Amino acid sequence: ERVWEYRERQPEAIATLGVPHKLDVCLPVAALPAYLEALPGVLAAAAPRARLHVYGHAGDGNLHVNLAGLDPHDETADEAVLRLAAEHGGSIAAEHGVGQAKTAWLHLSRSPAEIAAMRAVKAALDPAGVMNPGVLLP
């Protein structure tokens, strides 16, 4: 119970440092060590003031990458974190999906053909664009 409570309070603890940039990524489990080793250096180059906090579901490759100490509107560090995940064979989204916040980076982990297929399915099922407008596909 104490270990689970520690894990569940991670978001609360990070929030005491300000509004974090929350970036959920998913990687092949075998790629986690290399990603986690490279992440601090990539982040230091992109946003030297950022404070990195990572936790999550390592057993299935899902990580919650939280960055504290950044301007809420500066996405330089966000892009670096997501690009690194894609470079390690991962996805820019884990259990929380792409939503609206990550649509600009969808191309990092999905090919043009995959995005075109997503658009075709969306157009076929929602020709008026009324279901979840702007989510996943801008």
N, C-alpha and C. Protein backbone atom coordinates (compact mmCIF):
# COMPACT_ATOMS: atom_id res chain seq x y z
N GLU A 1 0.82 -1.20 0.00
CA GLU A 1 0.00 0.00 0.00
C GLU A 1 0.86 1.26 0.00
N ARG A 2 1.94 1.25 0.76
CA ARG A 2 2.80 2.44 0.82
C ARG A 2 3.48 2.70 -0.52
N VAL A 3 3.92 1.66 -1.20
CA VAL A 3 4.56 1.83 -2.51
C VAL A 3 3.54 2.37 -3.51
N TRP A 4 2.34 1.81 -3.51
CA TRP A 4 1.29 2.27 -4.42
C TRP A 4 0.93 3.74 -4.13
N GLU A 5 0.85 4.09 -2.87
CA GLU A 5 0.54 5.48 -2.49
C GLU A 5 1.64 6.41 -2.99
N TYR A 6 2.89 5.99 -2.88
CA TYR A 6 4.01 6.78 -3.37
C TYR A 6 3.85 7.04 -4.86
N ARG A 7 3.53 6.03 -5.61
CA ARG A 7 3.36 6.17 -7.06
C ARG A 7 2.18 7.10 -7.37
N GLU A 8 1.07 6.91 -6.69
CA GLU A 8 -0.14 7.70 -6.96
C GLU A 8 0.03 9.18 -6.62
N ARG A 9 0.97 9.50 -5.77
CA ARG A 9 1.18 10.90 -5.38
C ARG A 9 2.22 11.62 -6.24
N GLN A 10 2.78 10.94 -7.23
CA GLN A 10 3.76 11.57 -8.11
C GLN A 10 3.21 12.83 -8.79
N PRO A 11 2.04 12.77 -9.42
CA PRO A 11 1.53 13.99 -10.06
C PRO A 11 1.33 15.14 -9.08
N GLU A 12 0.86 14.83 -7.90
CA GLU A 12 0.65 15.85 -6.86
C GLU A 12 1.98 16.49 -6.46
N ALA A 13 2.99 15.67 -6.27
CA ALA A 13 4.31 16.19 -5.88
C ALA A 13 4.91 17.07 -6.99
N ILE A 14 4.80 16.61 -8.22
CA ILE A 14 5.35 17.38 -9.34
C ILE A 14 4.62 18.70 -9.49
N ALA A 15 3.32 18.72 -9.25
CA ALA A 15 2.53 19.95 -9.38
C ALA A 15 2.96 21.02 -8.37
N THR A 16 3.62 20.64 -7.30
CA THR A 16 4.09 21.64 -6.33
C THR A 16 5.21 22.50 -6.93
N LEU A 17 5.79 22.04 -8.06
CA LEU A 17 6.87 22.77 -8.73
C LEU A 17 6.34 23.73 -9.80
N GLY A 18 5.04 23.77 -9.97
CA GLY A 18 4.42 24.59 -11.01
C GLY A 18 3.63 23.69 -11.95
N VAL A 19 3.06 24.29 -12.97
CA VAL A 19 2.28 23.52 -13.94
C VAL A 19 3.25 22.77 -14.85
N PRO A 20 3.24 21.45 -14.78
CA PRO A 20 4.20 20.69 -15.60
C PRO A 20 3.71 20.49 -17.02
N HIS A 21 4.64 20.27 -17.91
CA HIS A 21 4.32 19.76 -19.24
C HIS A 21 4.24 18.26 -19.07
N LYS A 22 3.09 17.67 -19.40
CA LYS A 22 2.88 16.22 -19.22
C LYS A 22 2.92 15.55 -20.58
N LEU A 23 3.88 14.68 -20.76
CA LEU A 23 4.08 14.02 -22.04
C LEU A 23 4.11 12.51 -21.84
N ASP A 24 3.01 11.86 -22.14
CA ASP A 24 2.99 10.41 -22.05
C ASP A 24 3.53 9.85 -23.36
N VAL A 25 4.47 8.94 -23.25
CA VAL A 25 5.04 8.29 -24.43
C VAL A 25 4.99 6.79 -24.22
N CYS A 26 5.11 6.06 -25.31
CA CYS A 26 5.14 4.60 -25.24
C CYS A 26 6.30 4.12 -26.08
N LEU A 27 7.07 3.22 -25.54
CA LEU A 27 8.24 2.68 -26.24
C LEU A 27 8.25 1.16 -26.13
N PRO A 28 8.93 0.51 -27.08
CA PRO A 28 9.16 -0.92 -26.88
C PRO A 28 9.94 -1.09 -25.57
N VAL A 29 9.58 -2.06 -24.79
CA VAL A 29 10.22 -2.25 -23.49
C VAL A 29 11.74 -2.35 -23.62
N ALA A 30 12.21 -3.00 -24.67
CA ALA A 30 13.65 -3.14 -24.86
C ALA A 30 14.33 -1.80 -25.12
N ALA A 31 13.58 -0.80 -25.58
CA ALA A 31 14.15 0.53 -25.87
C ALA A 31 14.14 1.46 -24.67
N LEU A 32 13.48 1.07 -23.60
CA LEU A 32 13.39 1.96 -22.42
C LEU A 32 14.75 2.37 -21.86
N PRO A 33 15.69 1.45 -21.65
CA PRO A 33 16.98 1.89 -21.08
C PRO A 33 17.68 2.94 -21.92
N ALA A 34 17.73 2.75 -23.23
CA ALA A 34 18.41 3.72 -24.11
C ALA A 34 17.67 5.05 -24.11
N TYR A 35 16.35 5.00 -24.14
CA TYR A 35 15.55 6.25 -24.12
C TYR A 35 15.80 7.01 -22.82
N LEU A 36 15.73 6.31 -21.71
CA LEU A 36 15.92 6.97 -20.41
C LEU A 36 17.34 7.47 -20.23
N GLU A 37 18.30 6.81 -20.83
CA GLU A 37 19.69 7.27 -20.75
C GLU A 37 19.88 8.54 -21.58
N ALA A 38 19.24 8.61 -22.74
CA ALA A 38 19.40 9.77 -23.64
C ALA A 38 18.54 10.96 -23.23
N LEU A 39 17.45 10.72 -22.55
CA LEU A 39 16.49 11.77 -22.24
C LEU A 39 17.07 12.98 -21.50
N PRO A 40 17.84 12.82 -20.44
CA PRO A 40 18.37 14.01 -19.74
C PRO A 40 19.22 14.90 -20.64
N GLY A 41 20.06 14.31 -21.47
CA GLY A 41 20.91 15.11 -22.36
C GLY A 41 20.12 15.84 -23.42
N VAL A 42 19.13 15.17 -24.01
CA VAL A 42 18.27 15.80 -25.01
C VAL A 42 17.50 16.95 -24.38
N LEU A 43 17.01 16.72 -23.20
CA LEU A 43 16.25 17.76 -22.50
C LEU A 43 17.15 18.93 -22.12
N ALA A 44 18.35 18.67 -21.65
CA ALA A 44 19.28 19.74 -21.28
C ALA A 44 19.62 20.61 -22.48
N ALA A 45 19.73 20.01 -23.65
CA ALA A 45 20.03 20.78 -24.86
C ALA A 45 18.83 21.61 -25.30
N ALA A 46 17.63 21.07 -25.15
CA ALA A 46 16.43 21.77 -25.61
C ALA A 46 15.93 22.81 -24.61
N ALA A 47 16.05 22.51 -23.34
CA ALA A 47 15.49 23.39 -22.30
C ALA A 47 16.29 23.21 -21.01
N PRO A 48 17.41 23.91 -20.90
CA PRO A 48 18.30 23.71 -19.75
C PRO A 48 17.64 23.93 -18.38
N ARG A 49 16.59 24.74 -18.31
CA ARG A 49 15.94 25.01 -17.02
C ARG A 49 14.93 23.93 -16.62
N ALA A 50 14.60 23.05 -17.52
CA ALA A 50 13.57 22.05 -17.26
C ALA A 50 14.03 21.06 -16.19
N ARG A 51 13.10 20.67 -15.37
CA ARG A 51 13.35 19.62 -14.38
C ARG A 51 12.55 18.39 -14.79
N LEU A 52 13.24 17.29 -14.95
CA LEU A 52 12.66 16.06 -15.48
C LEU A 52 12.17 15.14 -14.37
N HIS A 53 10.96 14.62 -14.56
CA HIS A 53 10.38 13.64 -13.64
C HIS A 53 9.70 12.57 -14.49
N VAL A 54 10.15 11.33 -14.36
CA VAL A 54 9.60 10.24 -15.15
C VAL A 54 9.10 9.14 -14.23
N TYR A 55 7.91 8.68 -14.50
CA TYR A 55 7.36 7.53 -13.79
C TYR A 55 6.35 6.88 -14.73
N GLY A 56 5.77 5.78 -14.36
CA GLY A 56 4.74 5.21 -15.21
C GLY A 56 4.67 3.72 -15.17
N HIS A 57 4.48 3.15 -16.33
CA HIS A 57 4.19 1.73 -16.48
C HIS A 57 5.30 1.09 -17.31
N ALA A 58 6.48 1.03 -16.75
CA ALA A 58 7.64 0.56 -17.49
C ALA A 58 7.46 -0.87 -18.00
N GLY A 59 6.70 -1.67 -17.30
CA GLY A 59 6.49 -3.05 -17.72
C GLY A 59 5.83 -3.18 -19.08
N ASP A 60 5.03 -2.18 -19.47
CA ASP A 60 4.44 -2.22 -20.81
C ASP A 60 4.90 -1.06 -21.68
N GLY A 61 5.96 -0.37 -21.26
CA GLY A 61 6.58 0.66 -22.10
C GLY A 61 5.97 2.04 -22.03
N ASN A 62 4.98 2.25 -21.19
CA ASN A 62 4.35 3.56 -21.08
C ASN A 62 5.01 4.38 -19.99
N LEU A 63 5.44 5.58 -20.35
CA LEU A 63 6.09 6.47 -19.39
C LEU A 63 5.36 7.80 -19.33
N HIS A 64 5.28 8.34 -18.12
CA HIS A 64 4.77 9.69 -17.91
C HIS A 64 5.99 10.59 -17.75
N VAL A 65 6.29 11.35 -18.78
CA VAL A 65 7.42 12.28 -18.75
C VAL A 65 6.86 13.64 -18.37
N ASN A 66 7.26 14.15 -17.22
CA ASN A 66 6.80 15.45 -16.73
C ASN A 66 7.97 16.41 -16.69
N LEU A 67 7.75 17.60 -17.21
CA LEU A 67 8.78 18.63 -17.22
C LEU A 67 8.30 19.82 -16.41
N ALA A 68 9.04 20.16 -15.38
CA ALA A 68 8.69 21.30 -14.54
C ALA A 68 9.67 22.43 -14.83
N GLY A 69 9.25 23.65 -14.49
CA GLY A 69 10.13 24.80 -14.62
C GLY A 69 10.14 25.44 -16.00
N LEU A 70 9.14 25.13 -16.81
CA LEU A 70 9.08 25.68 -18.17
C LEU A 70 7.91 26.64 -18.33
N ASP A 71 8.04 27.54 -19.28
CA ASP A 71 6.92 28.39 -19.66
C ASP A 71 5.82 27.48 -20.21
N PRO A 72 4.59 27.68 -19.80
CA PRO A 72 3.51 26.79 -20.26
C PRO A 72 3.34 26.75 -21.78
N HIS A 73 3.72 27.80 -22.48
CA HIS A 73 3.49 27.87 -23.92
C HIS A 73 4.71 27.50 -24.75
N ASP A 74 5.85 27.27 -24.13
CA ASP A 74 7.06 26.91 -24.85
C ASP A 74 7.08 25.40 -25.05
N GLU A 75 6.98 24.96 -26.29
CA GLU A 75 6.90 23.53 -26.57
C GLU A 75 8.21 22.96 -27.11
N THR A 76 9.30 23.70 -26.98
CA THR A 76 10.60 23.24 -27.47
C THR A 76 11.00 21.92 -26.80
N ALA A 77 10.88 21.86 -25.50
CA ALA A 77 11.24 20.64 -24.77
C ALA A 77 10.28 19.50 -25.09
N ASP A 78 9.01 19.83 -25.24
CA ASP A 78 8.00 18.82 -25.57
C ASP A 78 8.40 18.11 -26.86
N GLU A 79 8.73 18.91 -27.87
CA GLU A 79 9.10 18.32 -29.16
C GLU A 79 10.34 17.43 -29.03
N ALA A 80 11.31 17.86 -28.26
CA ALA A 80 12.54 17.07 -28.08
C ALA A 80 12.24 15.73 -27.43
N VAL A 81 11.38 15.73 -26.42
CA VAL A 81 11.01 14.50 -25.71
C VAL A 81 10.26 13.55 -26.65
N LEU A 82 9.30 14.09 -27.40
CA LEU A 82 8.49 13.27 -28.30
C LEU A 82 9.32 12.76 -29.48
N ARG A 83 10.18 13.61 -30.02
CA ARG A 83 11.04 13.20 -31.13
C ARG A 83 11.96 12.05 -30.68
N LEU A 84 12.49 12.15 -29.48
CA LEU A 84 13.36 11.09 -28.96
C LEU A 84 12.59 9.77 -28.83
N ALA A 85 11.36 9.83 -28.38
CA ALA A 85 10.55 8.61 -28.29
C ALA A 85 10.38 7.98 -29.67
N ALA A 86 10.07 8.80 -30.66
CA ALA A 86 9.90 8.28 -32.02
C ALA A 86 11.20 7.69 -32.56
N GLU A 87 12.32 8.34 -32.25
CA GLU A 87 13.63 7.85 -32.71
C GLU A 87 13.98 6.49 -32.10
N HIS A 88 13.38 6.19 -30.96
CA HIS A 88 13.63 4.90 -30.30
C HIS A 88 12.52 3.89 -30.61
N GLY A 89 11.77 4.14 -31.69
CA GLY A 89 10.75 3.20 -32.13
C GLY A 89 9.46 3.28 -31.34
N GLY A 90 9.26 4.38 -30.63
CA GLY A 90 8.09 4.53 -29.80
C GLY A 90 7.01 5.40 -30.41
N SER A 91 6.03 5.68 -29.59
CA SER A 91 4.89 6.49 -29.99
C SER A 91 4.86 7.77 -29.15
N ILE A 92 4.34 8.83 -29.74
CA ILE A 92 4.23 10.10 -29.01
C ILE A 92 3.09 10.08 -28.01
N ALA A 93 2.31 9.02 -28.01
CA ALA A 93 1.17 8.94 -27.10
C ALA A 93 1.11 7.55 -26.47
N ALA A 94 0.73 7.52 -25.23
CA ALA A 94 0.54 6.25 -24.54
C ALA A 94 -0.94 6.11 -24.22
N GLU A 95 -1.27 5.81 -23.00
CA GLU A 95 -2.67 5.51 -22.67
C GLU A 95 -3.62 6.68 -22.80
N HIS A 96 -3.12 7.90 -22.82
CA HIS A 96 -4.01 9.06 -22.90
C HIS A 96 -4.23 9.55 -24.33
N GLY A 97 -3.57 8.97 -25.29
CA GLY A 97 -3.81 9.28 -26.69
C GLY A 97 -3.19 10.58 -27.16
N VAL A 98 -3.44 10.90 -28.42
CA VAL A 98 -2.90 12.10 -29.05
C VAL A 98 -3.73 13.32 -28.69
N GLY A 99 -5.05 13.17 -28.72
CA GLY A 99 -5.95 14.27 -28.39
C GLY A 99 -5.72 15.48 -29.27
N GLN A 100 -5.83 16.68 -28.69
CA GLN A 100 -5.56 17.92 -29.41
C GLN A 100 -4.15 18.41 -29.16
N ALA A 101 -3.60 18.08 -28.01
CA ALA A 101 -2.31 18.62 -27.59
C ALA A 101 -1.14 18.12 -28.42
N LYS A 102 -1.23 16.93 -28.99
CA LYS A 102 -0.08 16.36 -29.69
C LYS A 102 -0.29 16.22 -31.20
N THR A 103 -1.35 16.82 -31.75
CA THR A 103 -1.60 16.65 -33.18
C THR A 103 -0.45 17.15 -34.03
N ALA A 104 0.24 18.18 -33.61
CA ALA A 104 1.36 18.73 -34.39
C ALA A 104 2.52 17.75 -34.51
N TRP A 105 2.58 16.77 -33.63
CA TRP A 105 3.70 15.82 -33.62
C TRP A 105 3.30 14.43 -34.08
N LEU A 106 2.08 14.25 -34.53
CA LEU A 106 1.62 12.93 -34.95
C LEU A 106 2.53 12.33 -36.01
N HIS A 107 3.06 13.16 -36.89
CA HIS A 107 3.94 12.69 -37.97
C HIS A 107 5.24 12.06 -37.46
N LEU A 108 5.58 12.30 -36.20
CA LEU A 108 6.81 11.70 -35.67
C LEU A 108 6.69 10.19 -35.51
N SER A 109 5.48 9.71 -35.23
CA SER A 109 5.34 8.27 -34.99
C SER A 109 4.32 7.60 -35.91
N ARG A 110 3.79 8.34 -36.87
CA ARG A 110 2.87 7.77 -37.86
C ARG A 110 3.28 8.24 -39.24
N SER A 111 3.27 7.35 -40.19
CA SER A 111 3.68 7.67 -41.56
C SER A 111 2.58 8.49 -42.26
N PRO A 112 2.93 9.15 -43.37
CA PRO A 112 1.90 9.85 -44.14
C PRO A 112 0.76 8.92 -44.56
N ALA A 113 1.08 7.67 -44.93
CA ALA A 113 0.04 6.72 -45.33
C ALA A 113 -0.89 6.38 -44.16
N GLU A 114 -0.32 6.22 -42.98
CA GLU A 114 -1.15 5.93 -41.80
C GLU A 114 -2.06 7.11 -41.47
N ILE A 115 -1.53 8.31 -41.55
CA ILE A 115 -2.35 9.51 -41.27
C ILE A 115 -3.43 9.66 -42.32
N ALA A 116 -3.12 9.38 -43.58
CA ALA A 116 -4.13 9.43 -44.65
C ALA A 116 -5.23 8.41 -44.39
N ALA A 117 -4.86 7.22 -43.94
CA ALA A 117 -5.87 6.20 -43.62
C ALA A 117 -6.76 6.66 -42.46
N MET A 118 -6.16 7.28 -41.45
CA MET A 118 -6.95 7.80 -40.33
C MET A 118 -7.94 8.85 -40.83
N ARG A 119 -7.47 9.74 -41.71
CA ARG A 119 -8.35 10.78 -42.26
C ARG A 119 -9.49 10.15 -43.07
N ALA A 120 -9.20 9.11 -43.83
CA ALA A 120 -10.23 8.46 -44.63
C ALA A 120 -11.30 7.82 -43.74
N VAL A 121 -10.87 7.15 -42.69
CA VAL A 121 -11.82 6.54 -41.76
C VAL A 121 -12.67 7.62 -41.09
N LYS A 122 -12.02 8.69 -40.66
CA LYS A 122 -12.74 9.81 -40.02
C LYS A 122 -13.76 10.40 -41.00
N ALA A 123 -13.37 10.62 -42.23
CA ALA A 123 -14.27 11.20 -43.23
C ALA A 123 -15.45 10.27 -43.52
N ALA A 124 -15.19 8.97 -43.55
CA ALA A 124 -16.26 8.01 -43.83
C ALA A 124 -17.26 7.93 -42.68
N LEU A 125 -16.78 7.97 -41.46
CA LEU A 125 -17.66 7.83 -40.31
C LEU A 125 -18.25 9.14 -39.81
N ASP A 126 -17.58 10.24 -40.14
CA ASP A 126 -18.01 11.55 -39.63
C ASP A 126 -17.83 12.62 -40.72
N PRO A 127 -18.58 12.52 -41.81
CA PRO A 127 -18.37 13.45 -42.92
C PRO A 127 -18.61 14.91 -42.55
N ALA A 128 -19.44 15.18 -41.56
CA ALA A 128 -19.70 16.57 -41.15
C ALA A 128 -18.67 17.07 -40.15
N GLY A 129 -17.80 16.19 -39.66
CA GLY A 129 -16.76 16.60 -38.72
C GLY A 129 -17.28 17.06 -37.36
N VAL A 130 -18.35 16.45 -36.88
CA VAL A 130 -18.95 16.88 -35.62
C VAL A 130 -18.50 16.04 -34.42
N MET A 131 -17.92 14.86 -34.69
CA MET A 131 -17.49 14.01 -33.58
C MET A 131 -16.05 14.33 -33.22
N ASN A 132 -15.85 14.81 -32.01
CA ASN A 132 -14.51 15.15 -31.50
C ASN A 132 -13.72 16.01 -32.49
N PRO A 133 -14.25 17.16 -32.86
CA PRO A 133 -13.52 17.99 -33.82
C PRO A 133 -12.16 18.42 -33.29
N GLY A 134 -11.15 18.31 -34.16
CA GLY A 134 -9.79 18.73 -33.79
C GLY A 134 -9.01 17.72 -32.98
N VAL A 135 -9.62 16.61 -32.61
CA VAL A 135 -8.92 15.59 -31.83
C VAL A 135 -8.23 14.63 -32.79
N LEU A 136 -7.00 14.34 -32.52
CA LEU A 136 -6.11 13.46 -33.28
C LEU A 136 -5.71 14.06 -34.62
N LEU A 137 -6.67 14.43 -35.43
CA LEU A 137 -6.38 14.99 -36.75
C LEU A 137 -6.82 16.45 -36.78
N PRO A 138 -5.87 17.36 -37.00
CA PRO A 138 -6.26 18.78 -37.00
C PRO A 138 -7.16 19.11 -38.19
